[in-house]
Protein backbone atom coordinates (compact mmCIF):
# COMPACT_ATOMS: atom_id res chain seq x y z
CA MET A 1 0.01 0.00 0.03
CA PRO A 2 1.48 3.37 -0.92
CA VAL A 3 2.06 5.86 1.89
CA PRO A 4 -0.24 8.86 1.94
CA ILE A 5 1.01 12.11 0.44
CA PHE A 6 -0.04 15.28 2.19
CA GLY A 7 1.23 18.73 3.00
CA HIS A 8 1.76 20.27 -0.44
CA ARG A 9 -0.57 21.14 -3.29
CA PHE A 10 0.48 21.30 -6.90
CA GLY A 11 -0.58 24.06 -9.30
CA ARG A 12 -1.41 23.69 -13.04
CA SER A 13 2.20 24.23 -13.98
CA GLY A 14 3.40 21.28 -11.73
CA VAL A 15 5.03 23.78 -9.34
CA SER A 16 3.52 23.76 -5.92
CA ASP A 17 1.80 26.54 -4.17
CA THR A 18 3.34 27.92 -1.00
CA VAL A 19 1.88 26.04 1.93
CA THR A 20 1.60 27.52 5.44
CA ILE A 21 2.31 25.31 8.55
CA PRO A 22 0.27 26.85 11.47
CA GLU A 23 2.17 27.89 14.58
CA ARG A 24 3.19 24.93 16.87
CA SER A 25 2.21 22.24 14.37
CA GLY A 26 3.95 20.02 11.80
CA VAL A 27 3.38 18.17 8.56
CA ALA A 28 5.01 15.37 6.52
CA PHE A 29 5.14 14.91 2.71
CA THR A 30 7.21 13.24 0.01
CA LEU A 31 9.98 15.02 -1.93
CA SER A 32 11.18 13.37 -5.23
CA SER A 33 14.85 13.17 -6.23
CA GLY A 34 15.83 16.41 -7.93
CA GLN A 35 13.02 18.47 -6.47
CA THR A 36 13.69 21.54 -4.37
CA LEU A 37 12.16 22.26 -0.99
CA THR A 38 12.11 25.95 0.02
CA VAL A 39 11.50 26.64 3.77
CA ILE A 40 10.40 30.15 4.42
CA ASP A 41 10.12 32.24 7.62
CA PRO A 42 7.13 34.46 6.70
CA LYS A 43 7.25 36.67 9.80
CA GLY A 44 10.80 36.37 10.96
CA MET A 45 12.37 34.80 14.06
CA GLN A 46 10.70 31.39 13.70
CA VAL A 47 12.43 28.04 13.77
CA ALA A 48 11.37 24.97 11.57
CA ASP A 49 12.55 21.49 12.52
CA LEU A 50 13.30 19.39 9.42
CA LEU A 51 13.66 15.63 9.13
CA ALA A 52 14.36 13.59 6.04
CA PHE A 53 14.00 9.83 5.45
CA ASN A 54 14.84 7.71 2.39
CA ALA A 55 11.34 7.07 1.03
CA ARG A 56 12.38 3.59 -0.27
CA ASP A 57 13.96 2.55 3.09
CA MET A 58 12.74 4.47 6.08
CA ASP A 59 15.57 3.01 8.16
CA GLU A 60 17.88 5.57 6.43
CA VAL A 61 17.41 8.86 8.11
CA ILE A 62 19.04 12.22 8.43
CA SER A 63 22.08 12.24 10.73
CA SER A 64 23.46 15.20 12.63
CA GLY A 65 26.66 13.25 13.50
CA ARG A 66 27.46 12.26 9.98
CA THR A 67 26.72 15.62 8.56
CA LEU A 68 28.76 17.67 11.05
CA ASP A 69 31.62 15.14 10.72
CA TYR A 70 31.80 15.43 6.94
CA ALA A 71 31.15 19.21 6.91
CA GLU A 72 33.74 19.85 9.62
CA THR A 73 31.63 22.76 10.88
CA ILE A 74 28.40 23.37 12.72
CA ARG A 75 27.69 26.38 10.50
CA LEU A 76 25.82 24.63 7.67
CA THR A 77 24.79 26.82 4.74
CA THR A 78 24.82 27.05 0.89
CA GLY A 79 27.10 24.39 -0.59
CA HIS A 80 26.78 21.96 2.34
CA SER A 81 24.99 18.65 2.22
CA LEU A 82 22.81 16.85 4.89
CA TYR A 83 23.87 13.19 5.19
CA SER A 84 22.07 10.09 6.32
CA ASN A 85 23.06 7.54 8.98
CA ARG A 86 24.49 5.56 6.02
CA SER A 87 26.68 8.42 4.87
CA ASN A 88 24.56 9.06 1.81
CA ILE A 89 23.57 12.63 0.77
CA LEU A 90 19.85 13.19 1.43
CA LEU A 91 19.53 16.95 0.85
CA GLU A 92 21.95 19.64 -0.59
CA ILE A 93 21.65 23.31 0.55
CA VAL A 94 21.41 25.30 -2.73
CA GLU A 95 20.34 28.70 -1.26
CA ASP A 96 20.31 30.25 2.14
CA SER A 97 19.50 33.89 2.95
CA VAL A 98 20.21 33.44 6.74
CA GLY A 99 23.29 31.31 7.08
CA LEU A 100 22.58 30.55 10.76
CA HIS A 101 20.86 27.14 11.61
CA ASP A 102 21.22 24.49 14.25
CA PHE A 103 22.06 20.82 13.94
CA LEU A 104 22.93 20.09 17.65
CA LEU A 105 19.72 20.15 19.58
CA THR A 106 16.92 17.61 19.39
CA PRO A 107 13.26 18.50 18.71
CA CYS A 108 11.48 20.04 21.72
CA SER A 109 9.01 17.77 23.44
CA ARG A 110 6.69 17.62 26.39
CA GLU A 111 9.70 16.75 28.47
CA THR A 112 11.49 19.74 27.14
CA PHE A 113 8.69 21.97 28.57
CA VAL A 114 8.82 20.09 31.97
CA HIS A 115 12.65 20.78 32.16
CA PHE A 116 12.90 24.29 30.71
CA TYR A 117 9.44 25.82 31.08
CA PRO A 118 7.88 24.26 34.24
CA ASP A 119 5.68 27.41 34.73
CA LEU A 120 4.20 27.25 31.14
CA PRO A 121 1.43 24.92 29.91
CA GLN A 122 2.93 21.77 28.59
CA HIS A 123 2.99 21.16 24.88
CA ARG A 124 3.89 18.00 22.82
CA GLY A 125 6.42 20.12 20.96
CA CYS A 126 8.12 19.49 17.68
CA PHE A 127 8.85 15.93 18.69
CA GLY A 128 5.16 15.18 19.18
CA ASN A 129 4.20 17.05 16.02
CA LEU A 130 6.69 15.13 13.97
CA ALA A 131 5.70 11.78 15.53
CA ALA A 132 2.05 12.48 14.56
CA ALA A 133 2.84 13.61 11.07
CA LEU A 134 5.18 10.85 10.29
CA GLU A 135 3.10 8.02 11.79
CA PRO A 136 1.30 7.24 8.50
CA TYR A 137 4.70 6.56 7.02
CA GLY A 138 5.52 3.92 9.67
CA VAL A 139 7.85 6.12 11.69
CA LEU A 140 7.47 5.39 15.36
CA PRO A 141 8.61 8.03 17.96
CA ASP A 142 11.84 6.22 18.88
CA ARG A 143 12.85 6.54 15.22
CA ILE A 144 12.90 10.39 15.28
CA PRO A 145 16.48 11.63 15.34
CA VAL A 146 18.01 15.16 15.83
CA ALA A 147 16.38 17.49 13.34
CA PHE A 148 18.02 20.14 11.08
CA ASN A 149 16.64 23.17 12.87
CA CYS A 150 16.17 25.88 10.19
CA PHE A 151 16.80 29.39 11.40
CA MET A 152 17.57 28.22 14.93
CA ASN A 153 20.35 30.31 16.68
CA VAL A 154 22.50 28.23 19.02
CA PRO A 155 25.73 29.97 19.89
CA VAL A 156 28.51 27.81 21.34
CA ASP A 157 31.10 29.29 23.70
CA GLY A 158 34.45 28.41 22.22
CA ALA A 159 36.18 28.27 25.64
CA THR A 160 33.71 26.37 27.71
CA GLY A 161 31.46 24.62 25.20
CA LYS A 162 28.35 26.04 26.76
CA LEU A 163 25.39 26.14 24.49
CA ARG A 164 22.72 28.97 24.45
CA VAL A 165 19.50 29.33 22.59
CA GLU A 166 19.09 32.83 21.29
CA PRO A 167 16.37 34.35 19.13
CA PRO A 168 16.71 33.64 15.43
CA VAL A 169 18.32 36.22 13.23
CA SER A 170 15.98 35.43 10.34
CA LYS A 171 13.84 38.17 9.00
CA ALA A 172 10.32 38.04 7.31
CA GLY A 173 10.72 36.31 4.00
CA ASP A 174 14.08 34.72 4.67
CA ARG A 175 14.50 31.15 3.25
CA ILE A 176 16.64 28.17 2.90
CA VAL A 177 16.36 26.02 -0.14
CA PHE A 178 17.24 22.27 -0.35
CA ARG A 179 17.64 19.89 -3.40
CA ALA A 180 16.69 16.29 -2.77
CA ALA A 181 19.49 13.79 -3.70
CA MET A 182 17.04 10.82 -3.46
CA ASP A 183 13.30 10.25 -2.96
CA LEU A 184 12.55 11.41 0.48
CA VAL A 185 9.81 11.59 3.17
CA ILE A 186 10.09 15.01 4.90
CA GLY A 187 8.92 16.08 8.25
CA LEU A 188 8.63 19.81 8.93
CA THR A 189 7.43 21.92 11.82
CA ALA A 190 6.78 25.41 12.99
CA CYS A 191 8.63 25.10 16.31
CA SER A 192 6.87 25.20 19.58
CA ALA A 193 9.59 26.21 22.19
CA PRO A 194 9.54 29.84 23.38
CA ALA A 195 13.19 30.49 23.67
CA SER A 196 13.90 29.15 20.12
CA ASN A 197 11.55 31.70 18.56
CA GLY A 198 12.17 34.85 20.35
CA GLY A 199 9.32 34.32 22.84
CA SER A 200 6.42 34.12 20.31
CA PHE A 201 5.00 31.47 17.95
CA LYS A 202 4.62 32.03 14.26
CA PRO A 203 3.91 29.95 11.17
CA ILE A 204 6.37 28.48 8.68
CA ALA A 205 5.83 28.31 5.01
CA TYR A 206 7.28 25.93 2.42
CA ARG A 207 7.20 25.20 -1.28
CA VAL A 208 8.14 22.14 -3.44
CA ASP A 209 9.29 22.73 -7.00
């Protein structure tokens, strides 16, 4: 049985419309080899967690460790590739108007809110949103890895190694564009954690071409 396809709508020309992901939610959809995925921050200072799986073998998944190892930097931008746990390229970054993203921190979850925001209402976070969106593709929660956090600003102190989460530097309309190196299943969110998004929650937009 084929997996369901949802999340993007194609216009008459075969080029998709821009789709909006509402604040604090997530979607999943397929991306064919050679297609581009443009992730847009419509209002500025909003993070989007991105996952990618090999659509023909869902055990092959995006890997922070492999990617950072091969890139030899945590500052991933135009010209860098995102690798799988099998050292294959899943996505190539072909355009980036921000140049500051995170591939260190895991998707926020209900436990994240208990740990960092005990005085705020709990939320299932990006982890829960990704798990729900990817469930129709057979992805169980324990198979969700570290996401590529588009627009997330995580400075690292060079002397101590201390991590901080600062507001994104992305402005309204900023974008990052990926080209698929194989057929993929994509998970994508409008992040739910207050600190990651400058204290407010906004939508994320995307387009498949």
